[in-house]
């Protein structure tokens, strides 16, 4: 069964809708927490998603550099993915993620702990 993903608020509603339309199994942070999780720390939403078996997906690559935020990924031997360009428009994010879907699924199946950058032409393991 393909993995389910937990999308950070920075990806927005449209990204979730477009990924779902392409067959992805995604959960928006705003579907779990009120006010689109504005007051929820990254380590809290990441831990919650991992507890559900969901793979965290963000466009904030700095998460991997903050010990408290990456700790849940380490503790759960999980993987986290992030887009390497925070300036992409919603549809560009969707197209980039979808273009690498098979590689993302493969990296998820291989397990972690690991963080991967989703780049224009590939995904790269960037942590640890």
C-alpha atoms as a PDB file:
ATOM      1  CA  UNK A   1       0.000   0.000   0.000  1.00  0.00           C
ATOM      2  CA  UNK A   2       1.411   3.461  -0.840  1.00  0.00           C
ATOM      3  CA  UNK A   3       2.454   5.694   2.039  1.00  0.00           C
ATOM      4  CA  UNK A   4       0.270   8.437   3.466  1.00  0.00           C
ATOM      5  CA  UNK A   5       1.731  11.910   3.801  1.00  0.00           C
ATOM      6  CA  UNK A   6       1.175  14.649   6.374  1.00  0.00           C
ATOM      7  CA  UNK A   7       1.499  18.078   4.777  1.00  0.00           C
ATOM      8  CA  UNK A   8       2.873  21.036   6.676  1.00  0.00           C
ATOM      9  CA  UNK A   9       0.799  24.220   6.567  1.00  0.00           C
ATOM     10  CA  UNK A  10       3.374  25.869   4.301  1.00  0.00           C
ATOM     11  CA  UNK A  11       2.278  23.643   1.420  1.00  0.00           C
ATOM     12  CA  UNK A  12      -1.279  24.940   1.485  1.00  0.00           C
ATOM     13  CA  UNK A  13      -4.701  23.554   0.651  1.00  0.00           C
ATOM     14  CA  UNK A  14      -4.257  23.557  -3.132  1.00  0.00           C
ATOM     15  CA  UNK A  15      -1.183  21.306  -2.981  1.00  0.00           C
ATOM     16  CA  UNK A  16      -3.124  18.774  -0.920  1.00  0.00           C
ATOM     17  CA  UNK A  17      -6.093  18.871  -3.310  1.00  0.00           C
ATOM     18  CA  UNK A  18      -3.923  18.498  -6.402  1.00  0.00           C
ATOM     19  CA  UNK A  19      -1.913  15.629  -4.922  1.00  0.00           C
ATOM     20  CA  UNK A  20      -5.132  13.846  -3.953  1.00  0.00           C
ATOM     21  CA  UNK A  21      -6.385  14.295  -7.517  1.00  0.00           C
ATOM     22  CA  UNK A  22      -3.221  12.501  -8.664  1.00  0.00           C
ATOM     23  CA  UNK A  23      -3.835   9.565  -6.348  1.00  0.00           C
ATOM     24  CA  UNK A  24      -1.691  10.565  -3.365  1.00  0.00           C
ATOM     25  CA  UNK A  25      -2.912   9.793   0.139  1.00  0.00           C
ATOM     26  CA  UNK A  26      -2.397  13.053   2.039  1.00  0.00           C
ATOM     27  CA  UNK A  27      -3.553  14.688   5.249  1.00  0.00           C
ATOM     28  CA  UNK A  28      -3.431  18.441   5.759  1.00  0.00           C
ATOM     29  CA  UNK A  29      -2.183  19.807   9.043  1.00  0.00           C
ATOM     30  CA  UNK A  30      -5.293  22.026   9.085  1.00  0.00           C
ATOM     31  CA  UNK A  31      -7.481  18.922   9.058  1.00  0.00           C
ATOM     32  CA  UNK A  32      -5.909  17.828  12.349  1.00  0.00           C
ATOM     33  CA  UNK A  33      -5.239  21.073  14.206  1.00  0.00           C
ATOM     34  CA  UNK A  34      -7.389  24.207  14.512  1.00  0.00           C
ATOM     35  CA  UNK A  35      -6.296  27.493  12.924  1.00  0.00           C
ATOM     36  CA  UNK A  36      -4.131  25.594  10.428  1.00  0.00           C
ATOM     37  CA  UNK A  37      -1.806  24.666  13.314  1.00  0.00           C
ATOM     38  CA  UNK A  38      -0.431  28.194  13.608  1.00  0.00           C
ATOM     39  CA  UNK A  39       0.347  27.596  17.306  1.00  0.00           C
ATOM     40  CA  UNK A  40       1.639  24.033  16.903  1.00  0.00           C
ATOM     41  CA  UNK A  41       5.398  23.492  17.043  1.00  0.00           C
ATOM     42  CA  UNK A  42       6.986  21.514  14.220  1.00  0.00           C
ATOM     43  CA  UNK A  43       8.091  18.689  16.501  1.00  0.00           C
ATOM     44  CA  UNK A  44       4.470  18.264  17.705  1.00  0.00           C
ATOM     45  CA  UNK A  45       2.847  17.954  14.271  1.00  0.00           C
ATOM     46  CA  UNK A  46       5.686  15.788  12.977  1.00  0.00           C
ATOM     47  CA  UNK A  47       5.386  13.427  15.973  1.00  0.00           C
ATOM     48  CA  UNK A  48       1.604  13.278  15.566  1.00  0.00           C
ATOM     49  CA  UNK A  49       1.891  12.389  11.894  1.00  0.00           C
ATOM     50  CA  UNK A  50       4.521   9.743  12.538  1.00  0.00           C
ATOM     51  CA  UNK A  51       2.349   8.247  15.280  1.00  0.00           C
ATOM     52  CA  UNK A  52      -0.364   7.830  12.630  1.00  0.00           C
ATOM     53  CA  UNK A  53       2.104   6.257  10.200  1.00  0.00           C
ATOM     54  CA  UNK A  54       2.101   9.342   7.968  1.00  0.00           C
ATOM     55  CA  UNK A  55       5.240  10.676   6.250  1.00  0.00           C
ATOM     56  CA  UNK A  56       5.923  14.371   6.972  1.00  0.00           C
ATOM     57  CA  UNK A  57       6.156  16.610   3.911  1.00  0.00           C
ATOM     58  CA  UNK A  58       7.202  20.258   4.081  1.00  0.00           C
ATOM     59  CA  UNK A  59       8.987  22.957   2.168  1.00  0.00           C
ATOM     60  CA  UNK A  60      11.049  23.968   5.202  1.00  0.00           C
ATOM     61  CA  UNK A  61      14.373  22.178   4.874  1.00  0.00           C
ATOM     62  CA  UNK A  62      15.589  23.872   8.039  1.00  0.00           C
ATOM     63  CA  UNK A  63      13.612  21.319  10.049  1.00  0.00           C
ATOM     64  CA  UNK A  64      16.451  18.852   9.595  1.00  0.00           C
ATOM     65  CA  UNK A  65      18.878  21.291  11.241  1.00  0.00           C
ATOM     66  CA  UNK A  66      16.834  21.857  14.401  1.00  0.00           C
ATOM     67  CA  UNK A  67      17.403  19.086  16.918  1.00  0.00           C
ATOM     68  CA  UNK A  68      13.995  19.249  18.591  1.00  0.00           C
ATOM     69  CA  UNK A  69      12.159  19.252  15.238  1.00  0.00           C
ATOM     70  CA  UNK A  70      14.047  16.353  13.661  1.00  0.00           C
ATOM     71  CA  UNK A  71      14.053  14.284  16.870  1.00  0.00           C
ATOM     72  CA  UNK A  72      10.692  12.580  16.122  1.00  0.00           C
ATOM     73  CA  UNK A  73      12.052  11.430  12.742  1.00  0.00           C
ATOM     74  CA  UNK A  74      15.107  10.020  14.489  1.00  0.00           C
ATOM     75  CA  UNK A  75      13.083   8.388  17.294  1.00  0.00           C
ATOM     76  CA  UNK A  76      10.713   6.698  14.846  1.00  0.00           C
ATOM     77  CA  UNK A  77      13.417   5.760  12.304  1.00  0.00           C
ATOM     78  CA  UNK A  78      11.179   7.571   9.824  1.00  0.00           C
ATOM     79  CA  UNK A  79      11.683   9.742   6.758  1.00  0.00           C
ATOM     80  CA  UNK A  80      10.786  13.352   6.078  1.00  0.00           C
ATOM     81  CA  UNK A  81      10.641  15.064   2.691  1.00  0.00           C
ATOM     82  CA  UNK A  82      10.914  18.745   1.884  1.00  0.00           C
ATOM     83  CA  UNK A  83      10.969  20.814  -1.272  1.00  0.00           C
ATOM     84  CA  UNK A  84      14.339  22.464  -1.849  1.00  0.00           C
ATOM     85  CA  UNK A  85      12.806  25.657  -3.262  1.00  0.00           C
ATOM     86  CA  UNK A  86      10.425  27.633  -1.071  1.00  0.00           C
ATOM     87  CA  UNK A  87       9.518  29.993  -3.922  1.00  0.00           C
ATOM     88  CA  UNK A  88       7.628  27.463  -6.052  1.00  0.00           C
ATOM     89  CA  UNK A  89       3.975  28.119  -6.832  1.00  0.00           C
ATOM     90  CA  UNK A  90       1.460  25.509  -5.713  1.00  0.00           C
ATOM     91  CA  UNK A  91       1.175  23.760  -9.059  1.00  0.00           C
ATOM     92  CA  UNK A  92       4.969  23.674  -9.430  1.00  0.00           C
ATOM     93  CA  UNK A  93       5.216  22.000  -6.012  1.00  0.00           C
ATOM     94  CA  UNK A  94       2.668  19.403  -7.027  1.00  0.00           C
ATOM     95  CA  UNK A  95       4.374  18.705 -10.348  1.00  0.00           C
ATOM     96  CA  UNK A  96       7.774  18.343  -8.684  1.00  0.00           C
ATOM     97  CA  UNK A  97       6.476  15.992  -6.003  1.00  0.00           C
ATOM     98  CA  UNK A  98       4.470  13.937  -8.450  1.00  0.00           C
ATOM     99  CA  UNK A  99       7.404  13.627 -10.869  1.00  0.00           C
ATOM    100  CA  UNK A 100       9.407  11.984  -8.056  1.00  0.00           C
ATOM    101  CA  UNK A 101       6.576   9.918  -6.611  1.00  0.00           C
ATOM    102  CA  UNK A 102       8.193   6.528  -7.248  1.00  0.00           C
ATOM    103  CA  UNK A 103      11.510   7.619  -5.732  1.00  0.00           C
ATOM    104  CA  UNK A 104       9.730   9.128  -2.734  1.00  0.00           C
ATOM    105  CA  UNK A 105       7.804   5.895  -2.181  1.00  0.00           C
ATOM    106  CA  UNK A 106      11.033   3.876  -2.489  1.00  0.00           C
ATOM    107  CA  UNK A 107      12.873   6.073   0.020  1.00  0.00           C
ATOM    108  CA  UNK A 108       9.924   5.803   2.397  1.00  0.00           C
ATOM    109  CA  UNK A 109       9.978   2.011   2.146  1.00  0.00           C
ATOM    110  CA  UNK A 110      13.729   1.972   2.858  1.00  0.00           C
ATOM    111  CA  UNK A 111      13.063   3.755   6.137  1.00  0.00           C
ATOM    112  CA  UNK A 112      15.213   6.054   8.147  1.00  0.00           C
ATOM    113  CA  UNK A 113      15.953   8.055  10.021  1.00  0.00           C
ATOM    114  CA  UNK A 114      16.401  10.290   7.003  1.00  0.00           C
ATOM    115  CA  UNK A 115      15.431  13.617   5.482  1.00  0.00           C
ATOM    116  CA  UNK A 116      15.265  14.075   1.719  1.00  0.00           C
ATOM    117  CA  UNK A 117      15.268  17.198  -0.423  1.00  0.00           C
ATOM    118  CA  UNK A 118      12.914  16.992  -3.383  1.00  0.00           C
ATOM    119  CA  UNK A 119      14.808  18.820  -6.117  1.00  0.00           C
ATOM    120  CA  UNK A 120      13.818  19.629  -9.697  1.00  0.00           C
ATOM    121  CA  UNK A 121      15.615  16.587 -11.139  1.00  0.00           C
ATOM    122  CA  UNK A 122      16.016  14.163  -8.194  1.00  0.00           C
ATOM    123  CA  UNK A 123      15.625  13.546  -4.494  1.00  0.00           C
ATOM    124  CA  UNK A 124      18.680  13.678  -2.257  1.00  0.00           C
ATOM    125  CA  UNK A 125      19.178  12.349   1.230  1.00  0.00           C
ATOM    126  CA  UNK A 126      20.342  15.354   3.253  1.00  0.00           C
ATOM    127  CA  UNK A 127      20.189  14.060   6.828  1.00  0.00           C
ATOM    128  CA  UNK A 128      21.719  12.485   8.827  1.00  0.00           C
END
